[in-house]
C-alpha atoms as a PDB file:
ATOM      1  CA  MET A   1      28.596   2.022  -6.964  1.00  0.00           C
ATOM      2  CA  PRO A   2      26.819   4.998  -5.339  1.00  0.00           C
ATOM      3  CA  ILE A   3      26.549   5.168  -1.605  1.00  0.00           C
ATOM      4  CA  GLY A   4      22.786   4.756  -1.683  1.00  0.00           C
ATOM      5  CA  GLU A   5      22.994   1.408  -3.358  1.00  0.00           C
ATOM      6  CA  VAL A   6      25.704   0.269  -0.917  1.00  0.00           C
ATOM      7  CA  MET A   7      23.527   1.318   2.047  1.00  0.00           C
ATOM      8  CA  THR A   8      20.524  -0.454   0.539  1.00  0.00           C
ATOM      9  CA  ALA A   9      22.611  -3.635  -0.008  1.00  0.00           C
ATOM     10  CA  VAL A  10      24.043  -3.522   3.478  1.00  0.00           C
ATOM     11  CA  GLY A  11      20.622  -2.793   4.970  1.00  0.00           C
ATOM     12  CA  GLY A  12      19.103  -5.688   3.050  1.00  0.00           C
ATOM     13  CA  VAL A  13      21.782  -8.079   4.321  1.00  0.00           C
ATOM     14  CA  ALA A  14      21.359  -6.853   7.875  1.00  0.00           C
ATOM     15  CA  LEU A  15      17.581  -7.197   7.668  1.00  0.00           C
ATOM     16  CA  ARG A  16      17.917 -10.696   6.240  1.00  0.00           C
ATOM     17  CA  ASP A  17      20.300 -11.594   9.086  1.00  0.00           C
ATOM     18  CA  ILE A  18      17.947 -10.187  11.686  1.00  0.00           C
ATOM     19  CA  VAL A  19      14.987 -12.070  10.296  1.00  0.00           C
ATOM     20  CA  SER A  20      16.842 -15.328   9.860  1.00  0.00           C
ATOM     21  CA  PHE A  21      18.515 -15.252  13.297  1.00  0.00           C
ATOM     22  CA  PRO A  22      15.673 -16.941  15.239  1.00  0.00           C
ATOM     23  CA  VAL A  23      15.430 -19.684  12.630  1.00  0.00           C
ATOM     24  CA  TRP A  24      19.205 -20.341  12.934  1.00  0.00           C
ATOM     25  CA  TRP A  25      19.107 -20.069  16.725  1.00  0.00           C
ATOM     26  CA  TYR A  26      16.437 -22.745  17.175  1.00  0.00           C
ATOM     27  CA  THR A  27      17.740 -25.113  14.419  1.00  0.00           C
ATOM     28  CA  LYS A  28      21.461 -25.243  13.653  1.00  0.00           C
ATOM     29  CA  GLY A  29      22.355 -23.203  16.731  1.00  0.00           C
ATOM     30  CA  ILE A  30      20.609 -25.491  19.190  1.00  0.00           C
ATOM     31  CA  VAL A  31      22.064 -28.578  17.549  1.00  0.00           C
ATOM     32  CA  TYR A  32      25.530 -27.200  17.806  1.00  0.00           C
ATOM     33  CA  MET A  33      24.986 -26.115  21.468  1.00  0.00           C
ATOM     34  CA  LEU A  34      23.694 -29.560  22.397  1.00  0.00           C
ATOM     35  CA  GLU A  35      26.671 -31.260  20.669  1.00  0.00           C
ATOM     36  CA  GLN A  36      29.011 -29.065  22.717  1.00  0.00           C
ATOM     37  CA  LEU A  37      27.191 -29.790  25.937  1.00  0.00           C
ATOM     38  CA  LEU A  38      27.310 -33.567  25.233  1.00  0.00           C
ATOM     39  CA  PHE A  39      31.044 -33.312  24.528  1.00  0.00           C
ATOM     40  CA  SER A  40      31.512 -31.491  27.806  1.00  0.00           C
ATOM     41  CA  ALA A  41      29.488 -34.108  29.698  1.00  0.00           C
ATOM     42  CA  ARG A  42      31.563 -36.927  28.168  1.00  0.00           C
ATOM     43  CA  ARG A  43      34.816 -35.114  28.932  1.00  0.00           C
ATOM     44  CA  GLN A  44      33.790 -34.591  32.551  1.00  0.00           C
ATOM     45  CA  ALA A  45      32.673 -38.207  32.877  1.00  0.00           C
ATOM     46  CA  ALA A  46      36.166 -39.224  31.822  1.00  0.00           C
ATOM     47  CA  PHE A  47      37.685 -36.679  34.224  1.00  0.00           C
ATOM     48  CA  PHE A  48      35.687 -37.895  37.223  1.00  0.00           C
ATOM     49  CA  ALA A  49      36.009 -41.587  36.131  1.00  0.00           C
ATOM     50  CA  VAL A  50      33.330 -42.817  38.505  1.00  0.00           C
ATOM     51  CA  SER A  51      32.981 -46.105  36.567  1.00  0.00           C
ATOM     52  CA  LEU A  52      36.721 -46.797  37.072  1.00  0.00           C
ATOM     53  CA  TRP A  53      36.340 -46.252  40.840  1.00  0.00           C
ATOM     54  CA  VAL A  54      33.308 -48.564  40.905  1.00  0.00           C
ATOM     55  CA  ARG A  55      35.166 -51.286  38.989  1.00  0.00           C
ATOM     56  CA  ASN A  56      38.008 -51.203  41.481  1.00  0.00           C
ATOM     57  CA  LEU A  57      35.893 -50.882  44.605  1.00  0.00           C
ATOM     58  CA  PHE A  58      36.879 -54.268  46.022  1.00  0.00           C
ATOM     59  CA  VAL A  59      40.540 -54.161  44.831  1.00  0.00           C
ATOM     60  CA  PRO A  60      42.911 -53.367  47.709  1.00  0.00           C
ATOM     61  CA  MET A  61      45.011 -50.267  47.316  1.00  0.00           C
ATOM     62  CA  TYR A  62      48.839 -50.449  47.237  1.00  0.00           C
ATOM     63  CA  GLY A  63      48.701 -54.246  47.118  1.00  0.00           C
ATOM     64  CA  GLN A  64      47.770 -54.557  50.824  1.00  0.00           C
ATOM     65  CA  TYR A  65      45.733 -57.775  50.820  1.00  0.00           C
ATOM     66  CA  ASP A  66      45.375 -57.975  54.589  1.00  0.00           C
ATOM     67  CA  TRP A  67      41.958 -57.312  56.064  1.00  0.00           C
ATOM     68  CA  GLN A  68      42.864 -53.799  57.303  1.00  0.00           C
ATOM     69  CA  GLY A  69      44.064 -52.765  53.862  1.00  0.00           C
ATOM     70  CA  ARG A  70      40.954 -54.114  52.205  1.00  0.00           C
ATOM     71  CA  ILE A  71      38.600 -52.238  54.636  1.00  0.00           C
ATOM     72  CA  ILE A  72      40.450 -48.991  54.306  1.00  0.00           C
ATOM     73  CA  SER A  73      40.596 -49.291  50.498  1.00  0.00           C
ATOM     74  CA  PHE A  74      36.885 -50.084  50.316  1.00  0.00           C
ATOM     75  CA  PHE A  75      35.808 -47.059  52.360  1.00  0.00           C
ATOM     76  CA  ILE A  76      38.223 -44.652  50.715  1.00  0.00           C
ATOM     77  CA  ARG A  77      36.982 -45.715  47.263  1.00  0.00           C
ATOM     78  CA  LEU A  78      33.371 -45.539  48.436  1.00  0.00           C
ATOM     79  CA  ILE A  79      33.914 -41.930  49.586  1.00  0.00           C
ATOM     80  CA  GLN A  80      35.567 -41.125  46.258  1.00  0.00           C
ATOM     81  CA  ILE A  81      32.630 -42.586  44.324  1.00  0.00           C
ATOM     82  CA  VAL A  82      30.078 -40.637  46.384  1.00  0.00           C
ATOM     83  CA  PHE A  83      31.880 -37.265  46.050  1.00  0.00           C
ATOM     84  CA  ARG A  84      32.823 -37.738  42.422  1.00  0.00           C
ATOM     85  CA  SER A  85      29.166 -38.696  41.615  1.00  0.00           C
ATOM     86  CA  ILE A  86      27.913 -35.569  43.410  1.00  0.00           C
ATOM     87  CA  ALA A  87      30.373 -33.407  41.524  1.00  0.00           C
ATOM     88  CA  TYR A  88      29.477 -34.922  38.171  1.00  0.00           C
ATOM     89  CA  THR A  89      25.754 -34.539  38.925  1.00  0.00           C
ATOM     90  CA  PHE A  90      26.402 -30.903  39.835  1.00  0.00           C
ATOM     91  CA  TRP A  91      28.200 -30.458  36.468  1.00  0.00           C
ATOM     92  CA  LEU A  92      25.293 -32.060  34.611  1.00  0.00           C
ATOM     93  CA  GLY A  93      22.935 -29.600  36.372  1.00  0.00           C
ATOM     94  CA  ILE A  94      25.067 -26.687  35.168  1.00  0.00           C
ATOM     95  CA  LEU A  95      24.909 -28.039  31.622  1.00  0.00           C
ATOM     96  CA  ALA A  96      21.129 -28.473  31.838  1.00  0.00           C
ATOM     97  CA  GLY A  97      20.932 -24.828  33.058  1.00  0.00           C
ATOM     98  CA  VAL A  98      22.981 -23.689  30.117  1.00  0.00           C
ATOM     99  CA  ALA A  99      20.658 -25.558  27.713  1.00  0.00           C
ATOM    100  CA  VAL A 100      17.536 -24.013  29.273  1.00  0.00           C
ATOM    101  CA  PHE A 101      19.106 -20.598  29.265  1.00  0.00           C
ATOM    102  CA  TYR A 102      20.006 -21.011  25.536  1.00  0.00           C
ATOM    103  CA  VAL A 103      16.399 -21.902  24.722  1.00  0.00           C
ATOM    104  CA  PHE A 104      14.722 -19.028  26.701  1.00  0.00           C
ATOM    105  CA  ALA A 105      17.316 -16.222  26.426  1.00  0.00           C
ATOM    106  CA  PRO A 106      16.067 -14.747  23.167  1.00  0.00           C
ATOM    107  CA  LEU A 107      12.420 -14.921  24.274  1.00  0.00           C
ATOM    108  CA  VAL A 108      13.235 -13.182  27.581  1.00  0.00           C
ATOM    109  CA  LEU A 109      15.302 -10.594  25.711  1.00  0.00           C
ATOM    110  CA  VAL A 110      12.360  -9.790  23.372  1.00  0.00           C
ATOM    111  CA  VAL A 111       9.941  -9.512  26.275  1.00  0.00           C
ATOM    112  CA  PHE A 112      12.268  -7.100  28.107  1.00  0.00           C
ATOM    113  CA  ILE A 113      12.724  -5.053  25.014  1.00  0.00           C
ATOM    114  CA  PHE A 114       8.992  -4.695  24.526  1.00  0.00           C
ATOM    115  CA  LEU A 115       8.428  -3.879  28.241  1.00  0.00           C
ATOM    116  CA  HIS A 116      10.928  -1.106  28.133  1.00  0.00           C
ATOM    117  CA  ILE A 117      10.001   0.547  24.871  1.00  0.00           C
ATOM    118  CA  ASP A 118       8.721   4.035  25.413  1.00  0.00           C
ATOM    119  CA  LEU A 119       5.528   4.085  23.332  1.00  0.00           C
ATOM    120  CA  SER A 120       5.048   7.851  23.791  1.00  0.00           C
ATOM    121  CA  LEU A 121       7.173   8.778  20.820  1.00  0.00           C
END
């Protein structure tokens, strides 16, 4: 196969990939990205386990059923619930930022390319 035909074939494939990239990015790519973000959110929910802390809010820690043990356990668990909820909300904010970045990154890139093209050629 002559080098000209190879270059034409490679150029055709590259051109096809460049043209089909935005379609893939906003269809299959965004679905995959959202699946990964949802997986990450579920994994972090299991890591922070806020629902587990809420379920055991009124259960005394270390089997101390006296009134002092119950009060200390309640407030310690309440503090844990508050800070773990804040951390999980912060993580969800990061994931939302990643999703927004994914949607707008190609558009911003194209705008910057067109703003910096020297049209005096």
